[in-house]
Amino acid sequence: MPENNEANSANKRLRTESSVSLCFPGLFSRTQELSSSYKAAQPFHHSRITPFCSPTLLEGVRQEMLKLHYTLKETDIFKYHQSGDLANMDGLSAKEREQLPCLQQLRDALYSQEFRDFVSQVTGCGPLSGIRTDMSTNRYKQGDHLLLHDDVIGDRRVSYIIYLPDPQSQWLPEDGGGLELYPRESQESWAPAIRPTQVIAPKWNQMVLFTVLPGQSHHAVQEVCGKDKERLSIQGWFHFPQPGEPGYHADQLQTLWQKGAQSTLSQVEAKKQREQGCPSTQPLQPLKPSIDKTLIDSTLARHINPEYLNPKVMQQISDRFADDSYIKLSEFLNHECAQKLQQVLTRTDKEDGVGGCRMPGYETGERAGWKPEGSPVVRRFLRVEMPAQDEAACLLAQLQDMFGSDEFACWLAHVTTLSPRACRGLARRFRAGLDYTLGTPDGATESMLDAVLCLADRPSMWADGSVGGYHCYVDGGSDNASNDGSVYRSNEDDGILLTTPAAWNMLTLVLREPGVVQFVKYVGTAAPGSRWDISFEYSIADE
């Protein structure tokens, strides 16, 4: 019986090898040409192969893909619709396999010895596994996206994407969905630059290949924002040889990591990336036992709703915070201050063309007084840079100063019964179609008090979270609960402690325990504008 099984397997491999050239007509004759272009490609080595496959086979694959079941997946780093694992189609019943003949033919051809040799020759990556197969189909619908990462997980060696958008529909740059390739920040740094230098638009019958390298193969998928557009693709990886396969070496992963040993995408470097560019911590003066009228009239009353300076209301806030360890205060700024901000921030978004399902330019909003903040491995947004220049930056800088003042710390002490001893923070702008922060562990060993004043106009459009921009706290007690851009959570629903939608003139106070991570979800192009906020954290004195 074993001999018959071996004979059947051999015959299957022979049939597969003989059909490979039919799947990829003329492709193998271009090996040298593609290898040369791969080595010359920037910002890191990659290859765009068009046409890649037999159009007849690919049309069959597309029709089968459209019939598959897709599950919406969403974490801090991505949102898209994904099928099940197509690498294990052999495990399906005969009836199920009969429904996917083209997908199975393509899968077998991709992982055939002949095609793996072709990939090795084009990329110079060395032998690839024929045992370990890894592929799935993705449907990026309007609003779907995948933020920056480098694909370094396990023993992945080469990443590939096969594009199957509607061949009858032209894909324009403003439709989004492009594959963004990021250079290194500098020759001295493994961190990715703040913006990509290459964007590859989805194109029918196109395959993109690149070698997975820590700290180098940084890439992302733009949000799909075109109306009625779907970025249909097959995503997969070729892996290092497995034990027993030709070319296997026990130290092969160590060799890979030597090429990017300082990778900023490793969990070890995530905290360092998070800290870069953060404002320094400022000490606060010892707190006064009470808030006097002079304090109210001078500093806080110029900005804060007088209701929240009323001692009785402050006591009510304190009681609620003691019970829940967080509280949301609507209409926090007084009417005059809020109205002026709303006029200026709305006008700024309109002038910059932010929102309205349009893919903005990467430098949108960058000007004197506004600095882009990265690294995009953990975050991207604009921050107010002193001295503030335009009107929006000047108004937000005033609030930033108030949040960092001894007087505001005194107010916080009364409404939380905590004792802030130092603080740091900044005024931020999250532009629709560009900006986010990821849930990266910060290594804190003590509890912190977070104070975030969100200024997102038209809150009803943000309320359900579908356009992003929400602020989320997650239990970081396990590897699955946080994401540094290189490790995906296996269960997207695990560990969520608190989610606050973007809103207008809403202050949220949260007592954040050690091990809790937070992120601001990517703001989609369908958002009505930017998410503007003042975000501060306060270290707490021991009682």
Protein backbone atom coordinates (compact mmCIF):
# COMPACT_ATOMS: atom_id res chain seq x y z
CA MET A 1 0.00 0.00 0.00
CA PRO A 2 2.76 2.56 0.82
CA GLU A 3 4.37 1.87 -2.57
CA ASN A 4 1.10 2.70 -4.37
CA ASN A 5 0.79 5.96 -2.38
CA GLU A 6 4.35 6.92 -3.33
CA ALA A 7 3.66 6.13 -6.96
CA ASN A 8 0.47 8.20 -6.92
CA SER A 9 2.32 11.12 -5.33
CA ALA A 10 5.08 10.88 -7.93
CA ASN A 11 2.55 10.84 -10.78
CA LYS A 12 0.78 13.86 -9.27
CA ARG A 13 4.06 15.79 -9.07
CA LEU A 14 4.88 14.86 -12.66
CA ARG A 15 1.49 16.09 -13.88
CA THR A 16 1.92 19.30 -11.88
CA GLU A 17 5.41 19.99 -13.24
CA SER A 18 4.29 19.39 -16.82
CA SER A 19 1.40 21.85 -16.42
CA VAL A 20 3.42 24.66 -14.80
CA SER A 21 4.60 26.13 -18.07
CA LEU A 22 0.98 26.24 -19.25
CA CYS A 23 0.04 28.28 -16.16
CA PHE A 24 2.81 30.82 -16.74
CA PRO A 25 3.31 31.05 -20.52
CA GLY A 26 6.67 32.63 -21.41
CA LEU A 27 7.44 33.56 -17.81
CA PHE A 28 10.51 31.39 -17.22
CA SER A 29 12.26 32.80 -20.30
CA ARG A 30 12.27 36.20 -18.56
CA THR A 31 14.19 35.03 -15.48
CA GLN A 32 17.38 37.00 -16.20
CA GLU A 33 15.47 40.17 -17.11
CA LEU A 34 13.36 39.98 -13.98
CA SER A 35 16.37 39.25 -11.79
CA SER A 36 18.14 42.36 -13.06
CA SER A 37 15.10 44.59 -12.50
CA TYR A 38 14.60 43.05 -9.04
CA LYS A 39 18.12 44.03 -7.97
CA ALA A 40 17.69 47.57 -9.31
CA ALA A 41 14.28 48.19 -7.72
CA GLN A 42 13.88 50.77 -4.97
CA PRO A 43 13.33 51.43 -2.09
CA PHE A 44 14.10 47.74 -1.53
CA HIS A 45 14.47 44.83 -3.94
CA HIS A 46 11.17 43.75 -5.46
CA SER A 47 9.75 42.53 -8.75
CA ARG A 48 6.56 43.45 -10.60
CA ILE A 49 5.61 40.72 -13.07
CA THR A 50 2.94 41.60 -15.64
CA PRO A 51 1.46 39.56 -17.23
CA PHE A 52 2.11 36.87 -14.70
CA CYS A 53 -0.29 34.02 -15.45
CA SER A 54 -2.48 32.48 -18.11
CA PRO A 55 -5.46 34.87 -18.43
CA THR A 56 -7.85 31.94 -18.81
CA LEU A 57 -6.63 30.31 -15.60
CA LEU A 58 -6.67 33.63 -13.73
CA GLU A 59 -10.22 34.42 -14.82
CA GLY A 60 -11.28 31.05 -13.45
CA VAL A 61 -9.44 31.77 -10.21
CA ARG A 62 -11.20 35.12 -9.87
CA GLN A 63 -14.65 33.60 -10.35
CA GLU A 64 -13.92 30.97 -7.70
CA MET A 65 -12.58 33.60 -5.30
CA LEU A 66 -15.78 35.62 -5.57
CA LYS A 67 -17.74 32.58 -4.36
CA LEU A 68 -15.62 32.01 -1.25
CA HIS A 69 -16.72 33.00 2.24
CA TYR A 70 -14.84 36.03 3.59
CA THR A 71 -14.57 37.15 7.20
CA LEU A 72 -14.03 40.76 8.22
CA LYS A 73 -10.84 41.04 10.25
CA GLU A 74 -9.90 44.21 12.11
CA THR A 75 -7.19 45.14 14.60
CA ASP A 76 -5.12 48.26 15.16
CA ILE A 77 -3.00 47.50 12.09
CA PHE A 78 -5.52 46.25 9.54
CA LYS A 79 -9.07 45.99 8.33
CA TYR A 80 -9.95 43.68 5.45
CA HIS A 81 -11.97 40.62 4.43
CA GLN A 82 -10.11 37.33 4.28
CA SER A 83 -10.90 33.78 3.17
CA GLY A 84 -9.77 30.65 4.96
CA ASP A 85 -6.35 29.08 4.45
CA LEU A 86 -6.02 28.08 0.80
CA ALA A 87 -2.72 26.31 1.40
CA ASN A 88 -4.57 23.32 2.89
CA MET A 89 -7.06 22.63 0.11
CA ASP A 90 -5.91 19.02 0.13
CA GLY A 91 -7.76 18.73 3.44
CA LEU A 92 -11.07 19.63 1.82
CA SER A 93 -13.58 16.99 0.79
CA ALA A 94 -13.63 15.87 -2.82
CA LYS A 95 -16.89 17.75 -3.34
CA GLU A 96 -15.39 20.99 -1.98
CA ARG A 97 -12.26 20.62 -4.10
CA GLU A 98 -14.41 20.20 -7.18
CA GLN A 99 -15.68 23.76 -6.61
CA LEU A 100 -12.12 25.20 -6.72
CA PRO A 101 -10.29 23.55 -9.62
CA CYS A 102 -8.58 26.75 -10.83
CA LEU A 103 -7.45 27.83 -7.36
CA GLN A 104 -6.05 24.37 -6.70
CA GLN A 105 -4.24 24.35 -10.04
CA LEU A 106 -2.72 27.76 -9.33
CA ARG A 107 -1.73 26.77 -5.78
CA ASP A 108 -0.02 23.57 -7.00
CA ALA A 109 1.78 25.46 -9.77
CA LEU A 110 3.01 28.22 -7.42
CA TYR A 111 4.57 25.74 -5.01
CA SER A 112 5.93 23.43 -7.70
CA GLN A 113 9.68 22.88 -7.83
CA GLU A 114 9.90 24.67 -11.17
CA PHE A 115 8.20 27.85 -9.96
CA ARG A 116 10.07 27.87 -6.64
CA ASP A 117 13.36 27.63 -8.58
CA PHE A 118 12.20 30.56 -10.70
CA VAL A 119 11.48 32.67 -7.58
CA SER A 120 14.86 31.72 -6.11
CA GLN A 121 16.67 32.77 -9.27
CA VAL A 122 14.80 36.09 -9.56
CA THR A 123 15.27 37.08 -5.93
CA GLY A 124 18.53 35.32 -5.09
CA CYS A 125 16.90 34.06 -1.89
CA GLY A 126 18.15 30.47 -2.02
CA PRO A 127 16.07 27.28 -1.76
CA LEU A 128 12.40 27.47 -0.79
CA SER A 129 10.14 24.96 0.90
CA GLY A 130 7.75 22.82 -1.12
CA ILE A 131 6.19 21.37 2.03
CA ARG A 132 5.24 24.62 3.75
CA THR A 133 2.58 26.40 1.70
CA ASP A 134 0.96 29.63 2.87
CA MET A 135 -1.70 31.56 0.95
CA SER A 136 -5.13 33.15 1.33
CA THR A 137 -7.40 35.42 -0.65
CA ASN A 138 -8.17 38.96 0.48
CA ARG A 139 -10.98 41.33 -0.51
CA TYR A 140 -10.24 44.94 0.36
CA LYS A 141 -13.53 46.78 0.19
CA GLN A 142 -14.07 50.51 0.65
CA GLY A 143 -12.38 51.53 3.92
CA ASP A 144 -10.16 48.42 4.17
CA HIS A 145 -6.42 48.86 4.70
CA LEU A 146 -3.22 47.31 6.06
CA LEU A 147 -0.72 49.56 7.85
CA LEU A 148 3.05 49.39 7.78
CA HIS A 149 4.81 46.12 8.66
CA ASP A 150 7.70 44.04 7.31
CA ASP A 151 6.15 40.52 7.11
CA VAL A 152 8.84 39.08 9.40
CA ILE A 153 6.98 36.25 11.13
CA GLY A 154 8.41 32.78 11.66
CA ASP A 155 10.38 31.40 8.71
CA ARG A 156 8.83 33.43 5.89
CA ARG A 157 11.36 34.01 3.10
CA VAL A 158 9.57 35.59 0.13
CA SER A 159 6.28 37.49 0.10
CA TYR A 160 4.04 37.57 -2.94
CA ILE A 161 0.81 39.30 -3.96
CA ILE A 162 -1.25 38.31 -7.00
CA TYR A 163 -3.71 41.01 -8.12
CA LEU A 164 -7.12 40.08 -9.48
CA PRO A 165 -9.22 43.28 -9.59
CA ASP A 166 -12.03 43.50 -12.12
CA PRO A 167 -10.16 43.40 -15.47
CA GLN A 168 -12.86 45.56 -17.06
CA SER A 169 -12.52 48.37 -14.50
CA GLN A 170 -9.62 50.82 -14.56
CA TRP A 171 -7.95 51.38 -11.20
CA LEU A 172 -6.95 55.02 -10.65
CA PRO A 173 -4.50 56.40 -8.03
CA GLU A 174 -7.34 58.21 -6.26
CA ASP A 175 -9.04 54.83 -5.72
CA GLY A 176 -6.32 53.92 -3.21
CA GLY A 177 -5.48 50.26 -2.60
CA GLY A 178 -1.87 50.68 -3.71
CA LEU A 179 1.03 48.71 -2.23
CA GLU A 180 3.24 51.27 -0.46
CA LEU A 181 6.97 50.54 -0.22
CA TYR A 182 8.94 52.45 2.42
CA PRO A 183 12.67 53.19 2.38
CA ARG A 184 14.83 53.20 5.47
CA GLU A 185 14.93 56.51 7.30
CA SER A 186 18.68 56.72 6.63
CA GLN A 187 21.65 54.45 6.07
CA GLU A 188 22.37 54.67 9.79
CA SER A 189 18.84 53.68 10.83
CA TRP A 190 16.69 50.60 10.35
CA ALA A 191 13.53 52.62 10.98
CA PRO A 192 11.21 53.23 7.99
CA ALA A 193 10.81 56.73 6.61
CA ILE A 194 7.64 58.67 7.43
CA ARG A 195 6.24 58.24 3.92
CA PRO A 196 6.64 55.72 1.05
CA THR A 197 8.66 56.39 -2.08
CA GLN A 198 6.94 53.78 -4.26
CA VAL A 199 3.24 52.95 -4.64
CA ILE A 200 2.22 49.99 -6.81
CA ALA A 201 -1.38 50.22 -7.98
CA PRO A 202 -3.53 47.06 -8.22
CA LYS A 203 -3.39 45.71 -11.75
CA TRP A 204 -5.02 42.68 -13.32
CA ASN A 205 -2.66 39.72 -13.83
CA GLN A 206 0.20 41.29 -11.86
CA MET A 207 2.41 39.57 -9.29
CA VAL A 208 4.68 41.40 -6.86
CA LEU A 209 7.56 39.55 -5.17
CA PHE A 210 10.00 40.66 -2.49
CA THR A 211 12.30 38.98 0.00
CA VAL A 212 11.23 39.26 3.63
CA LEU A 213 13.98 41.10 5.52
CA PRO A 214 13.72 42.55 9.04
CA GLY A 215 13.96 46.31 9.10
CA GLN A 216 13.96 46.53 5.30
CA SER A 217 10.84 45.08 3.67
CA HIS A 218 8.55 47.78 5.12
CA HIS A 219 5.28 47.99 3.21
CA ALA A 220 1.60 48.81 3.63
CA VAL A 221 -1.65 48.69 1.67
CA GLN A 222 -3.41 51.99 1.11
CA GLU A 223 -7.04 52.21 2.10
CA VAL A 224 -9.43 51.40 -0.74
CA CYS A 225 -11.50 54.55 -1.13
CA GLY A 226 -12.84 54.30 -4.68
CA LYS A 227 -16.60 53.87 -4.94
CA ASP A 228 -17.59 50.29 -5.83
CA LYS A 229 -13.92 49.27 -5.96
CA GLU A 230 -12.61 45.98 -4.59
CA ARG A 231 -8.95 45.07 -4.31
CA LEU A 232 -9.14 41.31 -4.85
CA SER A 233 -5.83 39.54 -4.37
CA ILE A 234 -4.03 36.40 -3.29
CA GLN A 235 -1.47 36.96 -0.55
CA GLY A 236 1.08 34.33 0.36
CA TRP A 237 4.61 33.46 1.33
CA PHE A 238 7.33 31.05 0.35
CA HIS A 239 9.13 29.73 3.41
CA PHE A 240 12.64 28.59 4.24
CA PRO A 241 13.20 24.86 3.64
CA GLN A 242 11.84 22.66 6.41
CA PRO A 243 13.81 19.88 8.15
CA GLY A 244 14.49 17.09 5.66
CA GLU A 245 14.12 19.32 2.57
CA PRO A 246 17.06 20.20 0.30
CA GLY A 247 18.77 23.41 1.41
CA TYR A 248 17.62 23.25 5.04
CA HIS A 249 20.06 24.64 7.62
CA ALA A 250 19.42 24.77 11.33
CA ASP A 251 20.76 28.35 11.54
CA GLN A 252 18.96 29.74 8.47
CA LEU A 253 16.81 32.17 10.50
CA GLN A 254 19.86 33.50 12.32
CA THR A 255 21.39 34.34 8.95
CA LEU A 256 18.22 36.22 8.00
CA TRP A 257 18.17 38.28 11.19
CA GLN A 258 21.82 39.23 10.86
CA LYS A 259 20.81 41.30 7.85
CA GLY A 260 18.49 43.38 9.98
CA ALA A 261 19.53 42.66 13.51
CA GLN A 262 18.62 46.19 14.57
CA SER A 263 15.16 45.92 13.03
CA THR A 264 12.85 48.50 14.55
CA LEU A 265 9.98 46.11 13.93
CA SER A 266 11.17 43.66 16.54
CA GLN A 267 9.26 43.86 19.79
CA VAL A 268 12.50 44.79 21.54
CA GLU A 269 12.70 48.01 19.52
CA ALA A 270 9.01 48.95 19.63
CA LYS A 271 9.29 50.99 22.83
CA LYS A 272 12.32 52.86 21.48
CA GLN A 273 10.36 53.81 18.36
CA ARG A 274 7.40 54.90 20.47
CA GLU A 275 9.61 57.16 22.59
CA GLN A 276 11.38 58.87 19.68
CA GLY A 277 9.90 62.29 19.09
CA CYS A 278 7.81 62.24 22.27
CA PRO A 279 7.97 65.43 24.32
CA SER A 280 10.10 65.29 27.43
CA THR A 281 8.44 64.77 30.80
CA GLN A 282 7.86 67.99 32.71
CA PRO A 283 7.71 68.01 36.53
CA LEU A 284 4.68 69.57 38.21
CA GLN A 285 4.70 71.72 41.33
CA PRO A 286 3.39 70.31 44.61
CA LEU A 287 -0.37 70.50 44.59
CA LYS A 288 -2.37 73.09 46.44
CA PRO A 289 -5.02 71.81 48.84
CA SER A 290 -7.85 73.65 47.07
CA ILE A 291 -8.72 75.49 43.90
CA ASP A 292 -9.07 79.16 44.71
CA LYS A 293 -11.02 81.79 42.78
CA THR A 294 -7.82 83.40 41.45
CA LEU A 295 -6.86 80.13 39.81
CA ILE A 296 -10.29 79.75 38.24
CA ASP A 297 -10.39 83.30 36.92
CA SER A 298 -6.83 83.30 35.59
CA THR A 299 -6.01 80.06 33.84
CA LEU A 300 -8.71 77.43 33.67
CA ALA A 301 -11.85 79.53 33.18
CA ARG A 302 -10.50 80.93 29.90
CA HIS A 303 -10.94 77.49 28.35
CA ILE A 304 -12.96 75.13 30.55
CA ASN A 305 -16.73 74.94 30.75
CA PRO A 306 -17.60 76.67 34.07
CA GLU A 307 -19.79 73.71 35.05
CA TYR A 308 -16.66 71.57 35.46
CA LEU A 309 -15.15 74.16 37.83
CA ASN A 310 -18.12 73.94 40.17
CA PRO A 311 -17.04 72.17 43.40
CA LYS A 312 -20.22 70.08 43.57
CA VAL A 313 -19.82 68.88 39.98
CA MET A 314 -16.14 68.17 40.59
CA GLN A 315 -17.09 65.97 43.55
CA GLN A 316 -19.59 64.09 41.39
CA ILE A 317 -16.87 63.52 38.79
CA SER A 318 -14.52 62.31 41.51
CA ASP A 319 -17.06 59.81 42.82
CA ARG A 320 -17.72 58.43 39.35
CA PHE A 321 -14.02 58.18 38.53
CA ALA A 322 -13.37 56.34 41.81
CA ASP A 323 -15.92 53.70 40.79
CA ASP A 324 -14.94 53.22 37.13
CA SER A 325 -11.29 54.43 36.82
CA TYR A 326 -12.36 56.44 33.78
CA ILE A 327 -14.86 59.15 32.85
CA LYS A 328 -15.94 61.05 29.75
CA LEU A 329 -16.80 64.73 30.07
CA SER A 330 -18.76 66.20 27.15
CA GLU A 331 -18.67 69.91 26.23
CA PHE A 332 -15.48 70.25 28.25
CA LEU A 333 -14.35 73.53 26.71
CA ASN A 334 -16.50 76.59 27.22
CA HIS A 335 -18.75 77.74 24.39
CA GLU A 336 -16.55 80.59 23.17
CA CYS A 337 -13.40 78.48 23.05
CA ALA A 338 -15.12 75.49 21.41
CA GLN A 339 -16.89 77.59 18.80
CA LYS A 340 -13.67 79.31 17.73
CA LEU A 341 -11.86 75.98 17.49
CA GLN A 342 -14.65 74.42 15.46
CA GLN A 343 -14.58 77.23 12.92
CA VAL A 344 -10.79 77.15 12.52
CA LEU A 345 -10.34 73.36 12.46
CA THR A 346 -13.20 72.84 10.00
CA ARG A 347 -11.81 75.53 7.71
CA THR A 348 -8.31 74.01 7.88
CA ASP A 349 -9.59 70.57 6.88
CA LYS A 350 -11.52 72.07 3.98
CA GLU A 351 -8.51 74.03 2.75
CA ASP A 352 -6.31 70.93 2.96
CA GLY A 353 -8.88 68.70 1.22
CA VAL A 354 -9.06 66.23 4.10
CA GLY A 355 -12.00 63.79 4.22
CA GLY A 356 -14.73 63.17 1.68
CA CYS A 357 -13.45 59.72 0.56
CA ARG A 358 -10.39 61.24 -1.11
CA MET A 359 -6.88 59.81 -0.79
CA PRO A 360 -4.76 62.76 0.44
CA GLY A 361 -1.18 63.51 -0.48
CA TYR A 362 1.38 62.26 2.03
CA GLU A 363 2.48 65.82 2.85
CA THR A 364 -1.05 67.15 3.42
CA GLY A 365 -1.10 69.71 6.24
CA GLU A 366 2.68 69.82 6.70
CA ARG A 367 3.75 73.44 7.12
CA ALA A 368 5.34 75.76 9.65
CA GLY A 369 3.96 74.85 13.07
CA TRP A 370 3.00 71.29 12.08
CA LYS A 371 5.53 68.45 12.14
CA PRO A 372 4.95 64.87 10.91
CA GLU A 373 5.55 62.39 13.71
CA GLY A 374 6.62 58.78 13.28
CA SER A 375 8.07 56.25 13.03
CA PRO A 376 5.20 54.73 10.99
CA VAL A 377 6.12 51.36 12.44
CA VAL A 378 4.18 52.54 15.50
CA ARG A 379 2.44 55.80 14.53
CA ARG A 380 1.94 58.63 12.07
CA PHE A 381 0.27 61.97 12.69
CA LEU A 382 0.99 65.70 12.70
CA ARG A 383 1.91 67.46 15.93
CA VAL A 384 2.03 71.14 16.83
CA GLU A 385 5.62 72.35 16.75
CA MET A 386 6.58 75.49 18.60
CA PRO A 387 6.55 78.26 17.76
CA ALA A 388 3.06 77.68 16.42
CA GLN A 389 2.40 79.44 13.11
CA ASP A 390 -1.10 79.05 11.63
CA GLU A 391 -4.28 79.77 13.57
CA ALA A 392 -5.15 76.13 14.23
CA ALA A 393 -1.71 75.43 15.68
CA CYS A 394 -1.85 78.57 17.85
CA LEU A 395 -5.23 77.68 19.34
CA LEU A 396 -4.22 74.09 20.05
CA ALA A 397 -0.90 75.23 21.51
CA GLN A 398 -2.83 77.24 24.10
CA LEU A 399 -4.70 74.11 25.16
CA GLN A 400 -1.46 72.14 25.17
CA ASP A 401 0.00 74.72 27.57
CA MET A 402 -3.05 74.47 29.82
CA PHE A 403 -2.85 70.65 30.00
CA GLY A 404 0.79 70.95 31.04
CA SER A 405 0.16 73.57 33.70
CA ASP A 406 0.26 73.21 37.49
CA GLU A 407 -3.26 74.64 37.61
CA PHE A 408 -4.70 71.89 35.39
CA ALA A 409 -2.83 69.26 37.43
CA CYS A 410 -4.50 70.69 40.51
CA TRP A 411 -7.92 70.38 38.85
CA LEU A 412 -7.11 66.77 37.87
CA ALA A 413 -6.16 65.99 41.46
CA HIS A 414 -9.54 67.16 42.67
CA VAL A 415 -11.62 65.26 40.10
CA THR A 416 -9.61 62.00 40.33
CA THR A 417 -8.19 62.10 43.93
CA LEU A 418 -4.83 61.25 42.32
CA SER A 419 -1.65 63.32 42.67
CA PRO A 420 -0.05 64.13 39.29
CA ARG A 421 3.69 64.71 39.76
CA ALA A 422 4.89 65.04 36.14
CA CYS A 423 3.38 65.12 32.66
CA ARG A 424 4.06 65.07 28.97
CA GLY A 425 1.83 65.45 25.95
CA LEU A 426 1.13 67.16 22.67
CA ALA A 427 -1.50 68.51 20.32
CA ARG A 428 -2.12 66.08 17.44
CA ARG A 429 -3.84 65.98 14.08
CA PHE A 430 -4.85 62.62 12.60
CA ARG A 431 -5.52 63.25 8.92
CA ALA A 432 -8.18 61.16 7.19
CA GLY A 433 -6.52 58.59 4.93
CA LEU A 434 -3.09 58.80 6.57
CA ASP A 435 -2.76 58.71 10.33
CA TYR A 436 -2.90 56.31 13.29
CA THR A 437 -1.07 54.96 16.31
CA LEU A 438 -0.52 51.26 16.99
CA GLY A 439 -0.94 49.41 20.27
CA THR A 440 2.68 49.17 21.29
CA PRO A 441 3.76 48.16 24.82
CA ASP A 442 5.43 51.14 26.51
CA GLY A 443 7.15 49.23 29.30
CA ALA A 444 5.47 51.28 32.04
CA THR A 445 5.77 49.81 35.53
CA GLU A 446 3.46 52.29 37.26
CA SER A 447 -0.11 53.47 36.67
CA MET A 448 -0.56 56.58 34.56
CA LEU A 449 -3.42 59.06 34.25
CA ASP A 450 -4.37 59.74 30.64
CA ALA A 451 -6.22 62.95 29.70
CA VAL A 452 -7.35 63.18 26.07
CA LEU A 453 -9.44 66.03 24.71
CA CYS A 454 -10.90 64.93 21.37
CA LEU A 455 -11.98 67.56 18.83
CA ALA A 456 -13.59 65.63 15.97
CA ASP A 457 -16.36 67.54 14.23
CA ARG A 458 -19.68 65.91 13.28
CA PRO A 459 -19.49 63.20 15.97
CA SER A 460 -22.45 61.25 14.60
CA MET A 461 -20.27 60.22 11.64
CA TRP A 462 -17.60 58.84 13.99
CA ALA A 463 -19.91 57.18 16.52
CA ASP A 464 -19.99 53.59 15.22
CA GLY A 465 -16.22 53.45 14.58
CA SER A 466 -16.59 52.50 10.91
CA VAL A 467 -14.41 55.45 9.79
CA GLY A 468 -11.82 54.74 12.49
CA GLY A 469 -10.35 57.41 14.74
CA TYR A 470 -11.52 55.70 17.92
CA HIS A 471 -9.26 55.46 20.97
CA CYS A 472 -8.90 51.90 22.26
CA TYR A 473 -7.34 50.43 25.41
CA VAL A 474 -6.26 46.78 25.26
CA ASP A 475 -4.97 44.34 27.84
CA GLY A 476 -1.31 43.90 26.93
CA GLY A 477 -0.80 40.95 29.25
CA SER A 478 -0.31 38.54 26.34
CA ASP A 479 1.46 38.73 23.00
CA ASN A 480 -1.90 38.52 21.24
CA ALA A 481 -3.18 41.72 22.81
CA SER A 482 -0.70 44.17 21.32
CA ASN A 483 0.81 44.88 17.98
CA ASP A 484 4.13 46.48 17.19
CA GLY A 485 3.64 46.30 13.44
CA SER A 486 5.21 42.88 13.00
CA VAL A 487 2.97 40.53 15.03
CA TYR A 488 -0.74 40.17 14.35
CA ARG A 489 -3.22 39.39 17.10
CA SER A 490 -4.69 35.93 16.60
CA ASN A 491 -8.03 36.87 18.18
CA GLU A 492 -9.00 40.43 17.38
CA ASP A 493 -11.66 40.58 20.13
CA ASP A 494 -9.44 39.52 23.03
CA GLY A 495 -8.45 41.97 25.72
CA ILE A 496 -10.37 45.12 24.71
CA LEU A 497 -10.94 47.13 27.88
CA LEU A 498 -12.33 50.46 26.67
CA THR A 499 -13.15 52.05 23.31
CA THR A 500 -14.09 55.71 22.95
CA PRO A 501 -15.30 56.94 19.55
CA ALA A 502 -13.94 60.22 18.24
CA ALA A 503 -16.23 63.04 19.37
CA TRP A 504 -16.40 66.81 19.54
CA ASN A 505 -15.18 68.60 22.69
CA MET A 506 -14.97 65.41 24.79
CA LEU A 507 -12.41 64.97 27.57
CA THR A 508 -11.65 61.38 28.57
CA LEU A 509 -9.77 60.61 31.78
CA VAL A 510 -8.43 57.06 32.18
CA LEU A 511 -6.34 55.49 34.92
CA ARG A 512 -4.10 53.23 32.85
CA GLU A 513 -2.57 50.27 34.65
CA PRO A 514 0.86 48.81 33.74
CA GLY A 515 0.61 46.41 30.81
CA VAL A 516 -2.36 48.17 29.20
CA VAL A 517 -1.65 49.40 25.68
CA GLN A 518 -3.60 51.96 23.69
CA PHE A 519 -4.01 53.03 20.09
CA VAL A 520 -5.91 55.48 17.91
CA LYS A 521 -7.38 53.54 15.01
CA TYR A 522 -6.39 54.62 11.49
CA VAL A 523 -8.67 57.44 10.34
CA GLY A 524 -10.38 56.43 7.10
CA THR A 525 -10.97 58.69 4.12
CA ALA A 526 -14.74 58.52 4.74
CA ALA A 527 -14.26 60.46 7.99
CA PRO A 528 -15.73 63.98 7.85
CA GLY A 529 -12.31 65.47 8.58
CA SER A 530 -9.31 65.12 10.86
CA ARG A 531 -9.34 63.82 14.40
CA TRP A 532 -7.69 66.65 16.36
CA ASP A 533 -6.81 66.10 20.00
CA ILE A 534 -4.76 67.11 23.01
CA SER A 535 -3.20 63.99 24.51
CA PHE A 536 -1.38 64.01 27.85
CA GLU A 537 -0.23 61.40 30.34
CA TYR A 538 0.53 62.11 33.99
CA SER A 539 2.68 60.08 36.33
CA ILE A 540 1.07 59.63 39.72
CA ALA A 541 2.70 60.20 43.10
CA ASP A 542 2.49 57.35 45.60
CA GLU A 543 -0.14 57.96 48.23
